[in-house]
Amino acid sequence: MNVIKPTCNQIYNEELNLKDSKIDETWRHGNRRTEIYFRKQDQTYWRVKYRVSTDADGETHGLIQGTANITQVEPFEKVIISYREIP
Protein backbone atom coordinates (compact mmCIF):
# COMPACT_ATOMS: atom_id res chain seq x y z
CA MET A 1 0.00 0.00 0.00
CA ASN A 2 1.42 3.36 -1.04
CA VAL A 3 0.81 5.81 1.82
CA ILE A 4 0.95 9.51 0.98
CA LYS A 5 2.35 11.84 3.64
CA PRO A 6 -0.11 14.53 4.78
CA THR A 7 0.66 18.16 4.01
CA CYS A 8 0.92 20.96 6.56
CA ASN A 9 -2.27 22.45 5.08
CA GLN A 10 -4.18 19.22 5.77
CA ILE A 11 -2.94 19.25 9.37
CA TYR A 12 -3.58 22.97 9.84
CA ASN A 13 -7.10 22.62 8.38
CA GLU A 14 -7.85 19.82 10.90
CA GLU A 15 -8.23 17.06 8.31
CA LEU A 16 -6.28 14.85 10.77
CA ASN A 17 -7.12 14.30 14.44
CA LEU A 18 -4.62 15.50 17.06
CA LYS A 19 -3.81 12.64 19.47
CA ASP A 20 -0.84 13.97 21.46
CA SER A 21 1.13 17.19 21.79
CA LYS A 22 4.38 18.01 23.58
CA ILE A 23 6.08 21.41 23.84
CA ASP A 24 9.81 21.80 24.50
CA GLU A 25 10.53 25.33 25.69
CA THR A 26 14.33 25.04 25.79
CA TRP A 27 14.80 26.87 22.48
CA ARG A 28 15.56 30.50 23.36
CA HIS A 29 13.63 32.01 20.43
CA GLY A 30 10.37 30.16 21.07
CA ASN A 31 9.60 26.46 21.40
CA ARG A 32 9.73 23.14 19.60
CA ARG A 33 6.54 21.15 19.17
CA THR A 34 6.01 17.46 18.59
CA GLU A 35 2.47 16.39 17.77
CA ILE A 36 0.90 13.05 16.84
CA TYR A 37 -2.00 13.02 14.40
CA PHE A 38 -4.33 10.25 13.26
CA ARG A 39 -5.69 10.14 9.71
CA LYS A 40 -8.97 8.24 9.72
CA GLN A 41 -9.05 7.90 5.93
CA ASP A 42 -6.25 5.32 5.87
CA GLN A 43 -5.88 4.58 9.62
CA THR A 44 -2.33 6.01 9.81
CA TYR A 45 -0.52 7.98 12.51
CA TRP A 46 1.87 10.86 11.83
CA ARG A 47 4.45 12.65 14.00
CA VAL A 48 4.88 16.33 13.17
CA LYS A 49 7.86 18.30 14.53
CA TYR A 50 8.21 22.04 14.05
CA ARG A 51 9.32 25.24 15.77
CA VAL A 52 7.12 28.10 16.87
CA SER A 53 9.10 31.32 17.21
CA THR A 54 8.15 34.44 19.09
CA ASP A 55 8.78 37.92 17.76
CA ALA A 56 7.68 41.48 18.50
CA ASP A 57 4.24 40.83 16.98
CA GLY A 58 3.62 37.74 19.13
CA GLU A 59 3.60 34.11 18.08
CA THR A 60 4.51 33.12 14.53
CA HIS A 61 3.08 29.74 13.55
CA GLY A 62 5.81 27.37 12.46
CA LEU A 63 3.76 24.62 10.81
CA ILE A 64 5.11 25.40 7.34
CA GLN A 65 5.56 23.00 4.43
CA GLY A 66 9.27 22.41 3.90
CA THR A 67 10.35 23.21 7.46
CA ALA A 68 8.06 20.90 9.45
CA ASN A 69 9.24 17.30 9.79
CA ILE A 70 6.37 14.84 9.11
CA THR A 71 7.03 11.14 9.72
CA GLN A 72 4.70 8.14 9.76
CA VAL A 73 4.64 6.41 13.16
CA GLU A 74 2.66 3.64 14.84
CA PRO A 75 1.37 3.37 18.39
CA PHE A 76 2.79 0.78 20.76
CA GLU A 77 1.90 -0.22 24.28
CA LYS A 78 4.40 0.68 26.99
CA VAL A 79 4.21 -0.94 30.43
CA ILE A 80 5.41 1.20 33.33
CA ILE A 81 6.02 -0.34 36.74
CA SER A 82 5.98 1.96 39.78
CA TYR A 83 6.32 1.18 43.49
CA ARG A 84 4.44 2.57 46.48
CA GLU A 85 4.74 2.22 50.21
CA ILE A 86 2.82 -0.51 51.94
CA PRO A 87 0.56 1.08 54.60
PDB file of N, CA and C in Angstrom:
ATOM      1  N   MET A   1       0.842  -1.182   0.000  1.00  0.00           N
ATOM      2  CA  MET A   1       0.000   0.000   0.000  1.00  0.00           C
ATOM      3  C   MET A   1       0.887   1.245   0.000  1.00  0.00           C
ATOM      4  N   ASN A   2       0.653   2.127  -0.932  1.00  0.00           N
ATOM      5  CA  ASN A   2       1.419   3.359  -1.041  1.00  0.00           C
ATOM      6  C   ASN A   2       0.749   4.444  -0.202  1.00  0.00           C
ATOM      7  N   VAL A   3       1.374   4.821   0.908  1.00  0.00           N
ATOM      8  CA  VAL A   3       0.813   5.811   1.819  1.00  0.00           C
ATOM      9  C   VAL A   3       1.400   7.181   1.482  1.00  0.00           C
ATOM     10  N   ILE A   4       0.527   8.154   1.313  1.00  0.00           N
ATOM     11  CA  ILE A   4       0.954   9.508   0.980  1.00  0.00           C
ATOM     12  C   ILE A   4       1.011  10.341   2.255  1.00  0.00           C
ATOM     13  N   LYS A   5       2.141  10.988   2.465  1.00  0.00           N
ATOM     14  CA  LYS A   5       2.354  11.839   3.637  1.00  0.00           C
ATOM     15  C   LYS A   5       1.393  13.023   3.601  1.00  0.00           C
ATOM     16  N   PRO A   6       0.778  13.356   4.757  1.00  0.00           N
ATOM     17  CA  PRO A   6      -0.105  14.526   4.780  1.00  0.00           C
ATOM     18  C   PRO A   6       0.688  15.822   4.619  1.00  0.00           C
ATOM     19  N   THR A   7       0.024  16.848   4.147  1.00  0.00           N
ATOM     20  CA  THR A   7       0.656  18.159   4.011  1.00  0.00           C
ATOM     21  C   THR A   7       0.389  18.988   5.267  1.00  0.00           C
ATOM     22  N   CYS A   8       1.149  20.047   5.434  1.00  0.00           N
ATOM     23  CA  CYS A   8       0.916  20.958   6.559  1.00  0.00           C
ATOM     24  C   CYS A   8      -0.469  21.588   6.464  1.00  0.00           C
ATOM     25  N   ASN A   9      -0.928  21.883   5.248  1.00  0.00           N
ATOM     26  CA  ASN A   9      -2.267  22.447   5.083  1.00  0.00           C
ATOM     27  C   ASN A   9      -3.341  21.490   5.571  1.00  0.00           C
ATOM     28  N   GLN A  10      -3.206  20.203   5.303  1.00  0.00           N
ATOM     29  CA  GLN A  10      -4.180  19.223   5.773  1.00  0.00           C
ATOM     30  C   GLN A  10      -4.195  19.185   7.303  1.00  0.00           C
ATOM     31  N   ILE A  11      -3.021  19.262   7.909  1.00  0.00           N
ATOM     32  CA  ILE A  11      -2.938  19.249   9.367  1.00  0.00           C
ATOM     33  C   ILE A  11      -3.519  20.538   9.930  1.00  0.00           C
ATOM     34  N   TYR A  12      -3.120  21.660   9.366  1.00  0.00           N
ATOM     35  CA  TYR A  12      -3.582  22.967   9.838  1.00  0.00           C
ATOM     36  C   TYR A  12      -5.094  23.117   9.675  1.00  0.00           C
ATOM     37  N   ASN A  13      -5.654  22.536   8.633  1.00  0.00           N
ATOM     38  CA  ASN A  13      -7.096  22.616   8.377  1.00  0.00           C
ATOM     39  C   ASN A  13      -7.890  21.529   9.100  1.00  0.00           C
ATOM     40  N   GLU A  14      -7.222  20.826  10.026  1.00  0.00           N
ATOM     41  CA  GLU A  14      -7.845  19.825  10.897  1.00  0.00           C
ATOM     42  C   GLU A  14      -8.439  18.647  10.130  1.00  0.00           C
ATOM     43  N   GLU A  15      -7.791  18.250   9.036  1.00  0.00           N
ATOM     44  CA  GLU A  15      -8.227  17.062   8.313  1.00  0.00           C
ATOM     45  C   GLU A  15      -7.728  15.801   9.016  1.00  0.00           C
ATOM     46  N   LEU A  16      -6.782  15.951   9.957  1.00  0.00           N
ATOM     47  CA  LEU A  16      -6.282  14.848  10.773  1.00  0.00           C
ATOM     48  C   LEU A  16      -6.619  15.159  12.224  1.00  0.00           C
ATOM     49  N   ASN A  17      -6.765  14.121  13.039  1.00  0.00           N
ATOM     50  CA  ASN A  17      -7.121  14.304  14.441  1.00  0.00           C
ATOM     51  C   ASN A  17      -5.875  14.336  15.319  1.00  0.00           C
ATOM     52  N   LEU A  18      -5.740  15.381  16.132  1.00  0.00           N
ATOM     53  CA  LEU A  18      -4.622  15.501  17.057  1.00  0.00           C
ATOM     54  C   LEU A  18      -4.796  14.485  18.183  1.00  0.00           C
ATOM     55  N   LYS A  19      -3.772  13.664  18.420  1.00  0.00           N
ATOM     56  CA  LYS A  19      -3.813  12.639  19.467  1.00  0.00           C
ATOM     57  C   LYS A  19      -2.911  12.970  20.644  1.00  0.00           C
ATOM     58  N   ASP A  20      -1.792  13.666  20.401  1.00  0.00           N
ATOM     59  CA  ASP A  20      -0.838  13.973  21.462  1.00  0.00           C
ATOM     60  C   ASP A  20      -0.042  15.208  21.061  1.00  0.00           C
ATOM     61  N   SER A  21       0.359  15.984  22.059  1.00  0.00           N
ATOM     62  CA  SER A  21       1.130  17.192  21.795  1.00  0.00           C
ATOM     63  C   SER A  21       2.102  17.434  22.932  1.00  0.00           C
ATOM     64  N   LYS A  22       3.358  17.704  22.589  1.00  0.00           N
ATOM     65  CA  LYS A  22       4.378  18.015  23.579  1.00  0.00           C
ATOM     66  C   LYS A  22       5.099  19.285  23.144  1.00  0.00           C
ATOM     67  N   ILE A  23       5.399  20.152  24.124  1.00  0.00           N
ATOM     68  CA  ILE A  23       6.085  21.405  23.845  1.00  0.00           C
ATOM     69  C   ILE A  23       7.394  21.429  24.623  1.00  0.00           C
ATOM     70  N   ASP A  24       8.477  21.665  23.908  1.00  0.00           N
ATOM     71  CA  ASP A  24       9.813  21.795  24.504  1.00  0.00           C
ATOM     72  C   ASP A  24      10.176  23.281  24.456  1.00  0.00           C
ATOM     73  N   GLU A  25      10.284  23.895  25.628  1.00  0.00           N
ATOM     74  CA  GLU A  25      10.528  25.334  25.690  1.00  0.00           C
ATOM     75  C   GLU A  25      11.997  25.691  25.893  1.00  0.00           C
ATOM     76  N   THR A  26      12.906  24.769  25.590  1.00  0.00           N
ATOM     77  CA  THR A  26      14.334  25.042  25.789  1.00  0.00           C
ATOM     78  C   THR A  26      14.963  25.869  24.671  1.00  0.00           C
ATOM     79  N   TRP A  27      14.280  26.038  23.571  1.00  0.00           N
ATOM     80  CA  TRP A  27      14.800  26.871  22.476  1.00  0.00           C
ATOM     81  C   TRP A  27      14.596  28.328  22.860  1.00  0.00           C
ATOM     82  N   ARG A  28      15.638  29.142  22.832  1.00  0.00           N
ATOM     83  CA  ARG A  28      15.565  30.504  23.357  1.00  0.00           C
ATOM     84  C   ARG A  28      14.736  31.468  22.515  1.00  0.00           C
ATOM     85  N   HIS A  29      14.407  31.125  21.292  1.00  0.00           N
ATOM     86  CA  HIS A  29      13.627  32.012  20.426  1.00  0.00           C
ATOM     87  C   HIS A  29      12.161  31.602  20.322  1.00  0.00           C
ATOM     88  N   GLY A  30      11.737  30.646  21.126  1.00  0.00           N
ATOM     89  CA  GLY A  30      10.369  30.160  21.065  1.00  0.00           C
ATOM     90  C   GLY A  30      10.308  28.759  21.636  1.00  0.00           C
ATOM     91  N   ASN A  31       9.657  27.841  20.932  1.00  0.00           N
ATOM     92  CA  ASN A  31       9.602  26.457  21.402  1.00  0.00           C
ATOM     93  C   ASN A  31       9.559  25.482  20.238  1.00  0.00           C
ATOM     94  N   ARG A  32       9.814  24.234  20.578  1.00  0.00           N
ATOM     95  CA  ARG A  32       9.726  23.139  19.599  1.00  0.00           C
ATOM     96  C   ARG A  32       8.493  22.315  19.944  1.00  0.00           C
ATOM     97  N   ARG A  33       7.755  21.938  18.937  1.00  0.00           N
ATOM     98  CA  ARG A  33       6.540  21.154  19.174  1.00  0.00           C
ATOM     99  C   ARG A  33       6.632  19.812  18.466  1.00  0.00           C
ATOM    100  N   THR A  34       6.140  18.794  19.162  1.00  0.00           N
ATOM    101  CA  THR A  34       6.008  17.458  18.587  1.00  0.00           C
ATOM    102  C   THR A  34       4.558  17.048  18.786  1.00  0.00           C
ATOM    103  N   GLU A  35       3.885  16.743  17.705  1.00  0.00           N
ATOM    104  CA  GLU A  35       2.468  16.391  17.766  1.00  0.00           C
ATOM    105  C   GLU A  35       2.239  15.082  17.010  1.00  0.00           C
ATOM    106  N   ILE A  36       1.294  14.299  17.487  1.00  0.00           N
ATOM    107  CA  ILE A  36       0.903  13.048  16.843  1.00  0.00           C
ATOM    108  C   ILE A  36      -0.519  13.225  16.315  1.00  0.00           C
ATOM    109  N   TYR A  37      -0.690  12.910  15.050  1.00  0.00           N
ATOM    110  CA  TYR A  37      -2.000  13.020  14.401  1.00  0.00           C
ATOM    111  C   TYR A  37      -2.435  11.662  13.858  1.00  0.00           C
ATOM    112  N   PHE A  38      -3.748  11.461  13.822  1.00  0.00           N
ATOM    113  CA  PHE A  38      -4.334  10.253  13.257  1.00  0.00           C
ATOM    114  C   PHE A  38      -5.154  10.641  12.031  1.00  0.00           C
ATOM    115  N   ARG A  39      -4.910   9.923  10.929  1.00  0.00           N
ATOM    116  CA  ARG A  39      -5.692  10.144   9.712  1.00  0.00           C
ATOM    117  C   ARG A  39      -6.656   8.979   9.564  1.00  0.00           C
ATOM    118  N   LYS A  40      -7.923   9.260   9.751  1.00  0.00           N
ATOM    119  CA  LYS A  40      -8.966   8.237   9.722  1.00  0.00           C
ATOM    120  C   LYS A  40      -9.102   7.581   8.349  1.00  0.00           C
ATOM    121  N   GLN A  41      -8.894   8.357   7.305  1.00  0.00           N
ATOM    122  CA  GLN A  41      -9.052   7.897   5.926  1.00  0.00           C
ATOM    123  C   GLN A  41      -8.290   6.597   5.649  1.00  0.00           C
ATOM    124  N   ASP A  42      -7.044   6.519   6.113  1.00  0.00           N
ATOM    125  CA  ASP A  42      -6.246   5.315   5.868  1.00  0.00           C
ATOM    126  C   ASP A  42      -5.700   4.686   7.153  1.00  0.00           C
ATOM    127  N   GLN A  43      -6.237   5.153   8.315  1.00  0.00           N
ATOM    128  CA  GLN A  43      -5.878   4.575   9.618  1.00  0.00           C
ATOM    129  C   GLN A  43      -4.380   4.685   9.912  1.00  0.00           C
ATOM    130  N   THR A  44      -3.761   5.827   9.573  1.00  0.00           N
ATOM    131  CA  THR A  44      -2.333   6.015   9.812  1.00  0.00           C
ATOM    132  C   THR A  44      -2.091   7.101  10.846  1.00  0.00           C
ATOM    133  N   TYR A  45      -0.950   7.001  11.516  1.00  0.00           N
ATOM    134  CA  TYR A  45      -0.522   7.984  12.510  1.00  0.00           C
ATOM    135  C   TYR A  45       0.703   8.726  11.978  1.00  0.00           C
ATOM    136  N   TRP A  46       0.792  10.021  12.333  1.00  0.00           N
ATOM    137  CA  TRP A  46       1.868  10.863  11.832  1.00  0.00           C
ATOM    138  C   TRP A  46       2.432  11.731  12.944  1.00  0.00           C
ATOM    139  N   ARG A  47       3.776  11.766  13.048  1.00  0.00           N
ATOM    140  CA  ARG A  47       4.448  12.652  14.002  1.00  0.00           C
ATOM    141  C   ARG A  47       4.882  13.896  13.234  1.00  0.00           C
ATOM    142  N   VAL A  48       4.544  15.056  13.794  1.00  0.00           N
ATOM    143  CA  VAL A  48       4.882  16.333  13.174  1.00  0.00           C
ATOM    144  C   VAL A  48       5.746  17.115  14.151  1.00  0.00           C
ATOM    145  N   LYS A  49       6.949  17.502  13.709  1.00  0.00           N
ATOM    146  CA  LYS A  49       7.861  18.298  14.533  1.00  0.00           C
ATOM    147  C   LYS A  49       8.085  19.632  13.830  1.00  0.00           C
ATOM    148  N   TYR A  50       7.967  20.715  14.606  1.00  0.00           N
ATOM    149  CA  TYR A  50       8.210  22.043  14.053  1.00  0.00           C
ATOM    150  C   TYR A  50       8.508  23.029  15.177  1.00  0.00           C
ATOM    151  N   ARG A  51       9.015  24.186  14.805  1.00  0.00           N
ATOM    152  CA  ARG A  51       9.323  25.239  15.767  1.00  0.00           C
ATOM    153  C   ARG A  51       8.280  26.341  15.677  1.00  0.00           C
ATOM    154  N   VAL A  52       7.973  26.930  16.822  1.00  0.00           N
ATOM    155  CA  VAL A  52       7.121  28.104  16.870  1.00  0.00           C
ATOM    156  C   VAL A  52       7.965  29.206  17.484  1.00  0.00           C
ATOM    157  N   SER A  53       8.258  30.246  16.710  1.00  0.00           N
ATOM    158  CA  SER A  53       9.101  31.322  17.206  1.00  0.00           C
ATOM    159  C   SER A  53       8.246  32.473  17.712  1.00  0.00           C
ATOM    160  N   THR A  54       8.822  33.245  18.596  1.00  0.00           N
ATOM    161  CA  THR A  54       8.148  34.437  19.091  1.00  0.00           C
ATOM    162  C   THR A  54       8.900  35.645  18.567  1.00  0.00           C
ATOM    163  N   ASP A  55       8.165  36.690  18.235  1.00  0.00           N
ATOM    164  CA  ASP A  55       8.780  37.923  17.762  1.00  0.00           C
ATOM    165  C   ASP A  55       8.023  39.102  18.362  1.00  0.00           C
ATOM    166  N   ALA A  56       8.300  40.287  17.933  1.00  0.00           N
ATOM    167  CA  ALA A  56       7.678  41.482  18.501  1.00  0.00           C
ATOM    168  C   ALA A  56       6.159  41.498  18.298  1.00  0.00           C
ATOM    169  N   ASP A  57       5.685  40.846  17.268  1.00  0.00           N
ATOM    170  CA  ASP A  57       4.245  40.829  16.981  1.00  0.00           C
ATOM    171  C   ASP A  57       3.528  39.675  17.682  1.00  0.00           C
ATOM    172  N   GLY A  58       4.236  38.880  18.465  1.00  0.00           N
ATOM    173  CA  GLY A  58       3.620  37.740  19.133  1.00  0.00           C
ATOM    174  C   GLY A  58       4.085  36.440  18.517  1.00  0.00           C
ATOM    175  N   GLU A  59       3.222  35.440  18.537  1.00  0.00           N
ATOM    176  CA  GLU A  59       3.599  34.111  18.078  1.00  0.00           C
ATOM    177  C   GLU A  59       3.500  33.994  16.559  1.00  0.00           C
ATOM    178  N   THR A  60       4.515  33.413  15.961  1.00  0.00           N
ATOM    179  CA  THR A  60       4.510  33.122  14.531  1.00  0.00           C
ATOM    180  C   THR A  60       4.363  31.615  14.372  1.00  0.00           C
ATOM    181  N   HIS A  61       3.337  31.175  13.689  1.00  0.00           N
ATOM    182  CA  HIS A  61       3.083  29.737  13.551  1.00  0.00           C
ATOM    183  C   HIS A  61       4.155  29.102  12.693  1.00  0.00           C
ATOM    184  N   GLY A  62       4.718  27.997  13.155  1.00  0.00           N
ATOM    185  CA  GLY A  62       5.813  27.366  12.458  1.00  0.00           C
ATOM    186  C   GLY A  62       5.456  26.118  11.680  1.00  0.00           C
ATOM    187  N   LEU A  63       4.172  25.804  11.560  1.00  0.00           N
ATOM    188  CA  LEU A  63       3.763  24.620  10.807  1.00  0.00           C
ATOM    189  C   LEU A  63       3.738  24.995   9.321  1.00  0.00           C
ATOM    190  N   ILE A  64       4.933  24.945   8.722  1.00  0.00           N
ATOM    191  CA  ILE A  64       5.111  25.401   7.344  1.00  0.00           C
ATOM    192  C   ILE A  64       5.689  24.262   6.504  1.00  0.00           C
ATOM    193  N   GLN A  65       5.082  24.037   5.333  1.00  0.00           N
ATOM    194  CA  GLN A  65       5.562  23.003   4.429  1.00  0.00           C
ATOM    195  C   GLN A  65       7.024  23.267   4.078  1.00  0.00           C
ATOM    196  N   GLY A  66       7.859  22.256   4.204  1.00  0.00           N
ATOM    197  CA  GLY A  66       9.270  22.410   3.897  1.00  0.00           C
ATOM    198  C   GLY A  66      10.140  22.560   5.132  1.00  0.00           C
ATOM    199  N   THR A  67       9.569  23.093   6.221  1.00  0.00           N
ATOM    200  CA  THR A  67      10.347  23.211   7.458  1.00  0.00           C
ATOM    201  C   THR A  67       9.856  22.247   8.531  1.00  0.00           C
ATOM    202  N   ALA A  68       8.587  21.878   8.489  1.00  0.00           N
ATOM    203  CA  ALA A  68       8.059  20.901   9.446  1.00  0.00           C
ATOM    204  C   ALA A  68       8.514  19.502   9.038  1.00  0.00           C
ATOM    205  N   ASN A  69       8.815  18.675  10.030  1.00  0.00           N
ATOM    206  CA  ASN A  69       9.238  17.298   9.786  1.00  0.00           C
ATOM    207  C   ASN A  69       8.037  16.388  10.039  1.00  0.00           C
ATOM    208  N   ILE A  70       7.538  15.723   9.005  1.00  0.00           N
ATOM    209  CA  ILE A  70       6.368  14.842   9.107  1.00  0.00           C
ATOM    210  C   ILE A  70       6.808  13.413   8.826  1.00  0.00           C
ATOM    211  N   THR A  71       6.577  12.525   9.805  1.00  0.00           N
ATOM    212  CA  THR A  71       7.028  11.135   9.718  1.00  0.00           C
ATOM    213  C   THR A  71       5.890  10.204  10.120  1.00  0.00           C
ATOM    214  N   GLN A  72       5.724   9.114   9.372  1.00  0.00           N
ATOM    215  CA  GLN A  72       4.703   8.137   9.763  1.00  0.00           C
ATOM    216  C   GLN A  72       5.202   7.352  10.968  1.00  0.00           C
ATOM    217  N   VAL A  73       4.320   7.158  11.950  1.00  0.00           N
ATOM    218  CA  VAL A  73       4.636   6.414  13.165  1.00  0.00           C
ATOM    219  C   VAL A  73       3.513   5.427  13.443  1.00  0.00           C
ATOM    220  N   GLU A  74       3.721   4.557  14.425  1.00  0.00           N
ATOM    221  CA  GLU A  74       2.663   3.641  14.839  1.00  0.00           C
ATOM    222  C   GLU A  74       2.637   3.589  16.359  1.00  0.00           C
ATOM    223  N   PRO A  75       1.461   3.439  16.928  1.00  0.00           N
ATOM    224  CA  PRO A  75       1.374   3.367  18.393  1.00  0.00           C
ATOM    225  C   PRO A  75       1.883   2.021  18.898  1.00  0.00           C
ATOM    226  N   PHE A  76       2.399   2.027  20.119  1.00  0.00           N
ATOM    227  CA  PHE A  76       2.791   0.783  20.761  1.00  0.00           C
ATOM    228  C   PHE A  76       2.474   0.912  22.243  1.00  0.00           C
ATOM    229  N   GLU A  77       2.247  -0.200  22.872  1.00  0.00           N
ATOM    230  CA  GLU A  77       1.900  -0.217  24.284  1.00  0.00           C
ATOM    231  C   GLU A  77       3.168  -0.264  25.114  1.00  0.00           C
ATOM    232  N   LYS A  78       3.228   0.584  26.133  1.00  0.00           N
ATOM    233  CA  LYS A  78       4.400   0.675  26.990  1.00  0.00           C
ATOM    234  C   LYS A  78       3.960   0.413  28.432  1.00  0.00           C
ATOM    235  N   VAL A  79       4.559  -0.586  29.053  1.00  0.00           N
ATOM    236  CA  VAL A  79       4.212  -0.937  30.425  1.00  0.00           C
ATOM    237  C   VAL A  79       5.164  -0.207  31.365  1.00  0.00           C
ATOM    238  N   ILE A  80       4.606   0.484  32.348  1.00  0.00           N
ATOM    239  CA  ILE A  80       5.410   1.200  33.326  1.00  0.00           C
ATOM    240  C   ILE A  80       5.124   0.610  34.709  1.00  0.00           C
ATOM    241  N   ILE A  81       6.179   0.221  35.403  1.00  0.00           N
ATOM    242  CA  ILE A  81       6.020  -0.337  36.744  1.00  0.00           C
ATOM    243  C   ILE A  81       6.489   0.717  37.743  1.00  0.00           C
ATOM    244  N   SER A  82       5.641   1.017  38.711  1.00  0.00           N
ATOM    245  CA  SER A  82       5.977   1.957  39.784  1.00  0.00           C
ATOM    246  C   SER A  82       5.815   1.220  41.105  1.00  0.00           C
ATOM    247  N   TYR A  83       6.399   1.787  42.159  1.00  0.00           N
ATOM    248  CA  TYR A  83       6.324   1.178  43.494  1.00  0.00           C
ATOM    249  C   TYR A  83       5.768   2.187  44.476  1.00  0.00           C
ATOM    250  N   ARG A  84       4.996   1.721  45.422  1.00  0.00           N
ATOM    251  CA  ARG A  84       4.442   2.569  46.479  1.00  0.00           C
ATOM    252  C   ARG A  84       4.639   1.918  47.824  1.00  0.00           C
ATOM    253  N   GLU A  85       4.576   2.721  48.855  1.00  0.00           N
ATOM    254  CA  GLU A  85       4.742   2.215  50.211  1.00  0.00           C
ATOM    255  C   GLU A  85       3.565   1.325  50.592  1.00  0.00           C
ATOM    256  N   ILE A  86       3.868   0.344  51.407  1.00  0.00           N
ATOM    257  CA  ILE A  86       2.820  -0.514  51.941  1.00  0.00           C
ATOM    258  C   ILE A  86       2.353   0.119  53.254  1.00  0.00           C
ATOM    259  N   PRO A  87       1.064   0.427  53.370  1.00  0.00           N
ATOM    260  CA  PRO A  87       0.560   1.076  54.600  1.00  0.00           C
ATOM    261  C   PRO A  87       0.646   0.158  55.818  1.00  0.00           C
TER     262      PRO A  87
END
